[in-house]
C-alpha cells in the first residue's frame, strides 16, 4: 500500500510517491489496452520499463515545490484539490518527459539511456530477434515514435483524470498547454540549430530556455502553484526562479554531455560531441580567437569516429568550460537568492534552495 500523501509532504519523498502512481497507472493501462494486440502490449511494456527504470522525477518534484510555495500565497476563495489528486496530476509530467526523451534519443541516434537500450533500439532488437520483414532499424524508429506519442497522450489522460476540481483544472490548463507546446518548440529549434550549424550563443540559449528551462522547472513550478490557486505575483516569482534553475540545470547537463563519467551519467563519453550538438559550451569554444583550434573542433563535431579526448582538450584550452561554469553560478545563485528572499514557508524555502543547489552542481 502506498504511504499517505499530504500537503506538507517533503520534496525528497516525491520521486518514490510518483513512481508508485506511475506504476499503478501503467499497470491499469496495460490491463485496459494490452489486449488490443501483442504489439501494443510490447509497446506498453517498453514504455513502462523506460519510465520506471531510472529518472530523477525532477519535473514532478518542482511541481510539488510549486504547490507548497503556492500554499503560502493562495487566494482564500480558491478550491484546494486533495493532496492525493495533486500527486497524481504532477506525476503525469513524467509521461511528457518520457515522450521527449524517447523522441530525443531517435533524433540524436542514441543507443543507450540511463544505462539501458533506448526505446528505438529495444524495438529494433525485437525485430531482429524475430527475423521479421523489412528494416529492423526503421521498425525500431517507427514504433518508438508511436510509443512517445502514446506517452504524450497518457500525460493528458492522467492529468485530467486525477480528480482535480474543475476550478483547479481551469486555472492550470493555460500553463499545461503552454508547457507542452514550449517543449516541442524547443526541440524543433534544437534540430534546426544543429542542422543549420548556428554557432550563435543566443540560439543555443534559446534552445535551453524552451526545451529545458521552461518545461523542466519554470512551468512545473507554475503548474503546482496554479493548482492550489496561488496569486499572480507568486506565480511570476516562481517562474523567474524556475527559469534560472532550469538554465543552470541544462548548462550542467551540457557539461556532463562532454565531460561526464559514463558510469555515472549512463551515456557514452563525449556523446554530445559525436552527435554534433551546438550547445552553449560548444559555441563558446567555437568563438575562440584560435582559428586553428576552432577549425579542428568544428571538423570533429558530429563525427562518430572523432577523437573525443582531443576535442575535450580543445574546449578546455579555449576556456569555454569555465565560461559555462561561471554562467551556471550566475543563474543558480540568482535563483537561490530569490528563493531565500521570497515569503514562502521556511520548510519549502530550505528544501527548494537545496534542490536547486543539488541539480545545478550534480555529476549525474
Protein backbone atom coordinates (compact mmCIF):
# COMPACT_ATOMS: atom_id res chain seq x y z
CA UNK A 1 0.00 0.00 0.00
CA UNK A 2 1.25 3.48 -0.88
CA UNK A 3 2.09 5.78 2.03
CA UNK A 4 -0.42 8.59 2.68
CA UNK A 5 0.29 11.83 0.86
CA UNK A 6 -0.38 15.18 2.47
CA UNK A 7 0.06 18.87 1.70
CA UNK A 8 3.33 19.21 3.61
CA UNK A 9 4.97 16.06 2.22
CA UNK A 10 8.67 16.66 1.62
CA UNK A 11 10.24 17.17 -1.80
CA UNK A 12 12.55 14.24 -1.08
CA UNK A 13 9.51 11.94 -0.90
CA UNK A 14 8.22 12.94 -4.33
CA UNK A 15 10.24 10.50 -6.52
CA UNK A 16 9.09 7.35 -4.71
CA UNK A 17 5.50 8.57 -4.47
CA UNK A 18 5.46 9.46 -8.17
CA UNK A 19 6.96 6.09 -9.09
CA UNK A 20 4.12 4.36 -7.26
CA UNK A 21 1.49 6.44 -9.09
CA UNK A 22 3.14 5.80 -12.45
CA UNK A 23 3.37 2.08 -11.71
CA UNK A 24 -0.34 1.98 -10.88
CA UNK A 25 -1.27 3.94 -13.99
CA UNK A 26 0.88 1.83 -16.32
CA UNK A 27 -0.49 -1.38 -14.81
CA UNK A 28 -4.10 -0.31 -15.26
CA UNK A 29 -3.40 0.95 -18.79
CA UNK A 30 -1.79 -2.35 -19.75
CA UNK A 31 -4.85 -4.18 -18.44
CA UNK A 32 -7.16 -1.86 -20.37
CA UNK A 33 -5.35 -1.70 -23.70
CA UNK A 34 -2.83 -4.55 -23.85
CA UNK A 35 -5.47 -6.92 -25.22
CA UNK A 36 -5.66 -4.96 -28.50
CA UNK A 37 -2.64 -6.77 -29.91
CA UNK A 38 0.63 -8.26 -28.65
CA UNK A 39 2.46 -5.40 -30.39
CA UNK A 40 0.54 -2.89 -28.28
CA UNK A 41 1.31 -4.89 -25.15
CA UNK A 42 5.01 -4.84 -26.08
CA UNK A 43 4.92 -1.09 -26.64
CA UNK A 44 3.32 -0.53 -23.23
CA UNK A 45 5.90 -2.84 -21.65
CA UNK A 46 8.80 -0.95 -23.25
CA UNK A 47 7.27 2.36 -22.21
CA UNK A 48 6.84 1.02 -18.69
CA UNK A 49 10.48 -0.01 -18.48
CA UNK A 50 11.62 3.29 -19.94
CA UNK A 51 9.67 5.29 -17.37
CA UNK A 52 10.28 3.18 -14.27
CA UNK A 53 13.95 2.23 -14.84
CA UNK A 54 15.54 5.42 -13.59
CA UNK A 55 14.84 9.11 -13.82
CA UNK A 56 15.19 11.81 -11.19
CA UNK A 57 11.49 12.88 -11.26
CA UNK A 58 12.69 16.47 -11.46
CA UNK A 59 9.52 17.88 -13.01
CA UNK A 60 7.03 16.44 -10.50
CA UNK A 61 9.37 17.49 -7.70
CA UNK A 62 9.37 21.09 -8.88
CA UNK A 63 5.62 20.94 -9.39
CA UNK A 64 5.24 19.83 -5.77
CA UNK A 65 7.54 22.66 -4.74
CA UNK A 66 5.16 24.97 -6.60
CA UNK A 67 2.24 23.52 -4.66
CA UNK A 68 3.89 24.07 -1.31
CA UNK A 69 5.25 27.52 -2.16
CA UNK A 70 1.89 28.49 -3.63
CA UNK A 71 0.08 27.49 -0.46
CA UNK A 72 1.78 30.42 1.27
CA UNK A 73 0.00 32.81 -1.12
CA UNK A 74 -3.25 31.12 -2.09
CA UNK A 75 -6.39 33.00 -2.98
CA UNK A 76 -8.65 32.41 0.05
CA UNK A 77 -11.57 31.67 -2.29
CA UNK A 78 -9.66 29.02 -4.26
CA UNK A 79 -10.93 25.45 -4.03
CA UNK A 80 -7.98 23.32 -2.98
CA UNK A 81 -7.58 19.87 -4.54
CA UNK A 82 -6.92 16.88 -2.31
CA UNK A 83 -3.24 16.12 -1.79
CA UNK A 84 -3.67 12.69 -3.41
CA UNK A 85 -5.18 14.25 -6.55
CA UNK A 86 -2.33 16.74 -6.73
CA UNK A 87 0.20 13.90 -6.57
CA UNK A 88 -1.49 12.09 -9.44
CA UNK A 89 -1.65 15.29 -11.50
CA UNK A 90 2.03 16.14 -11.12
CA UNK A 91 3.02 12.51 -11.81
CA UNK A 92 1.59 12.99 -15.31
CA UNK A 93 4.55 15.25 -16.10
CA UNK A 94 6.71 12.13 -16.35
CA UNK A 95 4.77 10.96 -19.40
CA UNK A 96 5.65 14.19 -21.20
CA UNK A 97 9.25 13.64 -20.15
CA UNK A 98 9.14 10.08 -21.48
CA UNK A 99 7.83 11.30 -24.83
CA UNK A 100 10.51 13.99 -25.03
CA UNK A 101 13.33 11.59 -24.20
CA UNK A 102 12.16 8.79 -26.49
CA UNK A 103 11.92 11.19 -29.42
CA UNK A 104 15.15 12.94 -28.43
CA UNK A 105 17.01 9.62 -28.47
CA UNK A 106 15.74 8.98 -32.00
CA UNK A 107 16.80 12.43 -33.16
CA UNK A 108 20.24 12.01 -31.57
CA UNK A 109 20.57 8.38 -32.74
CA UNK A 110 21.45 7.42 -29.16
CA UNK A 111 21.90 3.76 -28.27
CA UNK A 112 21.51 4.00 -24.50
CA UNK A 113 19.58 5.98 -21.92
CA UNK A 114 20.23 5.62 -18.17
CA UNK A 115 22.44 2.63 -18.91
CA UNK A 116 19.68 0.77 -20.81
CA UNK A 117 18.92 0.48 -24.55
CA UNK A 118 16.90 3.39 -25.87
CA UNK A 119 13.31 2.69 -26.88
CA UNK A 120 14.02 2.59 -30.61
CA UNK A 121 16.91 0.18 -30.06
CA UNK A 122 14.66 -2.04 -27.93
CA UNK A 123 12.07 -2.23 -30.70
CA UNK A 124 14.84 -2.78 -33.25
CA UNK A 125 16.17 -5.70 -31.19
CA UNK A 126 12.68 -7.21 -31.05
CA UNK A 127 12.50 -7.08 -34.86
CA UNK A 128 15.91 -8.74 -35.28
CA UNK A 129 15.20 -11.45 -32.70
CA UNK A 130 12.01 -12.42 -34.54
CA UNK A 131 13.56 -12.18 -38.04
CA UNK A 132 10.67 -10.02 -39.24
CA UNK A 133 10.37 -8.47 -42.69
CA UNK A 134 11.86 -5.13 -43.63
CA UNK A 135 14.37 -2.93 -41.90
CA UNK A 136 14.81 -3.56 -38.18
CA UNK A 137 16.17 -0.05 -37.73
CA UNK A 138 13.18 1.56 -39.44
CA UNK A 139 10.82 -0.59 -37.40
CA UNK A 140 12.52 0.46 -34.19
CA UNK A 141 12.28 4.16 -35.02
CA UNK A 142 8.67 3.88 -36.17
CA UNK A 143 7.47 2.07 -33.06
CA UNK A 144 9.43 4.34 -30.73
CA UNK A 145 7.84 7.43 -32.30
CA UNK A 146 4.43 5.92 -31.64
CA UNK A 147 5.46 4.90 -28.13
CA UNK A 148 6.43 8.50 -27.43
CA UNK A 149 3.12 9.69 -28.85
CA UNK A 150 1.33 7.27 -26.53
CA UNK A 151 3.18 8.73 -23.54
CA UNK A 152 2.21 12.26 -24.61
CA UNK A 153 -1.43 11.18 -24.83
CA UNK A 154 -1.35 9.49 -21.44
CA UNK A 155 0.08 12.62 -19.84
CA UNK A 156 -3.17 14.43 -20.64
CA UNK A 157 -5.26 11.44 -19.60
CA UNK A 158 -3.54 11.11 -16.24
CA UNK A 159 -3.62 14.84 -15.53
CA UNK A 160 -7.27 15.29 -16.48
CA UNK A 161 -8.27 12.11 -14.65
CA UNK A 162 -6.53 12.99 -11.39
CA UNK A 163 -9.74 14.01 -9.66
CA UNK A 164 -8.96 17.72 -9.54
CA UNK A 165 -11.78 20.24 -9.02
CA UNK A 166 -12.95 21.89 -12.23
CA UNK A 167 -11.70 25.25 -10.95
CA UNK A 168 -8.18 23.87 -10.43
CA UNK A 169 -8.13 22.41 -13.94
CA UNK A 170 -9.34 25.70 -15.39
CA UNK A 171 -6.68 27.84 -13.72
CA UNK A 172 -3.90 25.34 -14.52
CA UNK A 173 -4.77 24.45 -18.10
CA UNK A 174 -3.06 27.51 -19.71
CA UNK A 175 0.26 26.60 -18.08
CA UNK A 176 -0.14 22.92 -19.02
CA UNK A 177 -0.91 23.79 -22.65
CA UNK A 178 1.96 26.26 -22.88
CA UNK A 179 4.42 23.76 -21.42
CA UNK A 180 3.53 21.08 -23.97
CA UNK A 181 3.99 23.46 -26.89
CA UNK A 182 7.17 25.00 -25.48
CA UNK A 183 8.99 21.70 -25.12
CA UNK A 184 8.17 20.72 -28.71
CA UNK A 185 9.08 24.19 -29.97
CA UNK A 186 12.37 23.90 -28.12
CA UNK A 187 13.03 20.55 -29.77
CA UNK A 188 12.20 21.99 -33.20
CA UNK A 189 14.62 24.84 -32.54
CA UNK A 190 17.28 22.39 -31.33
CA UNK A 191 17.04 20.32 -34.51
CA UNK A 192 17.10 23.45 -36.69
CA UNK A 193 20.14 24.89 -34.92
CA UNK A 194 22.01 21.61 -35.29
CA UNK A 195 21.13 21.40 -38.98
CA UNK A 196 21.98 24.99 -39.89
CA UNK A 197 25.17 24.85 -37.86
CA UNK A 198 24.45 28.01 -35.90
CA UNK A 199 27.33 28.93 -33.62
CA UNK A 200 25.41 31.81 -32.05
CA UNK A 201 25.23 31.55 -28.27
CA UNK A 202 21.87 33.35 -28.41
CA UNK A 203 20.45 30.41 -30.39
CA UNK A 204 21.79 27.77 -28.01
CA UNK A 205 20.44 29.74 -25.05
CA UNK A 206 17.02 29.91 -26.71
CA UNK A 207 17.06 26.14 -27.01
CA UNK A 208 17.85 25.93 -23.29
CA UNK A 209 15.01 28.31 -22.45
CA UNK A 210 12.29 26.43 -24.29
CA UNK A 211 13.50 22.85 -24.44
CA UNK A 212 14.60 22.62 -20.82
CA UNK A 213 14.24 25.62 -18.50
CA UNK A 214 10.57 26.21 -19.20
CA UNK A 215 9.28 22.66 -19.18
CA UNK A 216 11.69 21.23 -16.62
CA UNK A 217 11.43 23.83 -13.89
CA UNK A 218 9.55 27.06 -14.66
CA UNK A 219 6.29 25.54 -15.90
CA UNK A 220 6.18 22.73 -13.31
CA UNK A 221 6.55 25.36 -10.57
CA UNK A 222 3.84 27.38 -12.33
CA UNK A 223 1.55 24.36 -12.62
CA UNK A 224 1.97 23.40 -8.98
CA UNK A 225 1.25 26.92 -7.76
CA UNK A 226 -1.72 27.33 -10.11
CA UNK A 227 -3.23 24.05 -8.92
CA UNK A 228 -3.61 25.48 -5.42
CA UNK A 229 -4.72 28.93 -6.58
CA UNK A 230 -1.57 30.96 -5.89
CA UNK A 231 -1.70 34.65 -6.78
CA UNK A 232 -0.14 36.03 -9.95
CA UNK A 233 2.79 37.68 -8.16
CA UNK A 234 3.81 34.36 -6.61
CA UNK A 235 3.48 32.52 -9.92
CA UNK A 236 5.61 35.12 -11.71
CA UNK A 237 8.24 34.90 -8.97
CA UNK A 238 8.33 31.11 -9.19
CA UNK A 239 8.61 31.20 -12.97
CA UNK A 240 11.60 33.53 -12.72
CA UNK A 241 13.24 31.27 -10.17
CA UNK A 242 12.44 28.29 -12.36
CA UNK A 243 13.99 29.90 -15.42
CA UNK A 244 17.29 30.45 -13.62
CA UNK A 245 17.37 26.95 -12.13
CA UNK A 246 16.43 25.44 -15.50
CA UNK A 247 19.13 27.31 -17.40
CA UNK A 248 21.78 26.28 -14.86
CA UNK A 249 20.44 22.69 -14.90
CA UNK A 250 20.78 22.41 -18.68
CA UNK A 251 24.18 24.08 -18.78
CA UNK A 252 25.31 21.49 -16.24
CA UNK A 253 23.83 18.78 -18.46
CA UNK A 254 25.80 20.16 -21.41
CA UNK A 255 28.99 19.99 -19.36
CA UNK A 256 28.22 16.39 -18.41
CA UNK A 257 27.46 15.54 -22.04
CA UNK A 258 31.12 16.24 -22.80
CA UNK A 259 33.00 15.71 -19.54
CA UNK A 260 30.68 13.41 -17.56
CA UNK A 261 31.59 9.93 -16.35
CA UNK A 262 29.60 7.36 -18.38
CA UNK A 263 29.37 5.11 -15.31
CA UNK A 264 27.50 7.91 -13.55
CA UNK A 265 25.56 9.56 -16.38
CA UNK A 266 24.55 6.37 -18.20
CA UNK A 267 25.54 7.98 -21.52
CA UNK A 268 28.64 7.20 -23.62
CA UNK A 269 31.61 9.52 -23.09
CA UNK A 270 31.51 12.52 -25.40
CA UNK A 271 28.09 11.61 -26.76
CA UNK A 272 27.20 15.26 -27.41
CA UNK A 273 30.39 15.73 -29.42
CA UNK A 274 29.71 12.74 -31.66
CA UNK A 275 26.14 13.91 -32.25
CA UNK A 276 27.35 17.39 -33.19
CA UNK A 277 25.20 19.27 -30.69
CA UNK A 278 25.69 23.04 -30.84
CA UNK A 279 25.38 23.65 -27.13
CA UNK A 280 26.37 26.87 -25.40
CA UNK A 281 29.55 25.10 -24.26
CA UNK A 282 30.43 24.23 -27.85
CA UNK A 283 29.52 27.65 -29.20
CA UNK A 284 31.70 29.36 -26.61
CA UNK A 285 34.59 27.11 -27.69
CA UNK A 286 33.98 27.81 -31.38
CA UNK A 287 34.12 31.55 -30.72
CA UNK A 288 37.78 31.28 -29.66
CA UNK A 289 40.33 33.58 -31.25
CA UNK A 290 42.40 30.48 -32.03
CA UNK A 291 41.02 29.83 -35.51
CA UNK A 292 43.02 26.62 -35.94
CA UNK A 293 41.54 25.16 -32.75
CA UNK A 294 38.03 26.21 -33.80
CA UNK A 295 38.55 24.54 -37.19
CA UNK A 296 39.66 21.26 -35.58
CA UNK A 297 36.72 21.31 -33.19
CA UNK A 298 34.27 22.13 -35.96
CA UNK A 299 35.62 19.25 -38.08
CA UNK A 300 35.24 16.76 -35.23
CA UNK A 301 31.70 17.67 -34.23
CA UNK A 302 29.20 15.12 -35.49
CA UNK A 303 31.93 12.65 -36.46
CA UNK A 304 31.24 9.27 -34.78
CA UNK A 305 34.94 8.41 -35.17
CA UNK A 306 36.27 11.68 -33.79
CA UNK A 307 38.98 11.70 -31.14
CA UNK A 308 36.84 12.72 -28.18
CA UNK A 309 39.80 13.38 -25.87
CA UNK A 310 41.30 15.79 -28.40
CA UNK A 311 38.01 17.66 -28.75
CA UNK A 312 37.69 17.89 -24.97
CA UNK A 313 41.19 19.35 -24.75
CA UNK A 314 40.34 21.99 -27.32
CA UNK A 315 37.25 23.00 -25.36
CA UNK A 316 39.23 23.29 -22.12
CA UNK A 317 42.04 25.23 -23.79
CA UNK A 318 39.57 27.81 -25.10
CA UNK A 319 38.23 28.38 -21.59
CA UNK A 320 34.69 27.53 -22.72
CA UNK A 321 34.11 25.12 -19.85
CA UNK A 322 34.98 27.80 -17.29
CA UNK A 323 32.71 30.32 -19.02
CA UNK A 324 29.85 27.85 -18.71
CA UNK A 325 30.69 27.21 -15.05
CA UNK A 326 30.53 30.96 -14.45
CA UNK A 327 27.15 31.12 -16.17
CA UNK A 328 25.86 28.21 -14.07
CA UNK A 329 26.99 30.01 -10.92
CA UNK A 330 25.29 33.24 -12.02
CA UNK A 331 21.90 31.61 -12.66
CA UNK A 332 21.95 29.24 -9.69
CA UNK A 333 23.00 31.98 -7.27
CA UNK A 334 20.29 34.32 -8.54
CA UNK A 335 17.66 31.60 -8.16
CA UNK A 336 18.74 30.60 -4.66
CA UNK A 337 18.90 34.23 -3.53
CA UNK A 338 15.37 34.79 -4.86
CA UNK A 339 14.11 31.70 -3.03
CA UNK A 340 15.52 32.91 0.27
CA UNK A 341 14.15 36.41 -0.31
CA UNK A 342 10.63 35.16 -1.05
CA UNK A 343 7.97 34.98 1.61
CA UNK A 344 7.50 31.21 1.44
CA UNK A 345 7.06 28.79 4.32
CA UNK A 346 10.54 28.22 5.83
CA UNK A 347 10.48 24.47 5.17
CA UNK A 348 9.79 24.77 1.44
CA UNK A 349 12.25 27.66 1.19
CA UNK A 350 15.04 25.46 2.51
CA UNK A 351 14.00 22.40 0.50
CA UNK A 352 13.69 24.29 -2.78
CA UNK A 353 17.03 26.06 -2.30
CA UNK A 354 18.72 22.73 -1.52
CA UNK A 355 17.17 21.14 -4.61
CA UNK A 356 18.37 23.99 -6.81
CA UNK A 357 21.88 23.61 -5.42
CA UNK A 358 21.87 19.84 -5.91
CA UNK A 359 20.67 19.87 -9.51
CA UNK A 360 22.95 22.63 -10.73
CA UNK A 361 26.09 21.15 -9.16
CA UNK A 362 25.43 17.49 -9.90
CA UNK A 363 27.63 14.86 -11.57
CA UNK A 364 24.77 12.65 -12.85
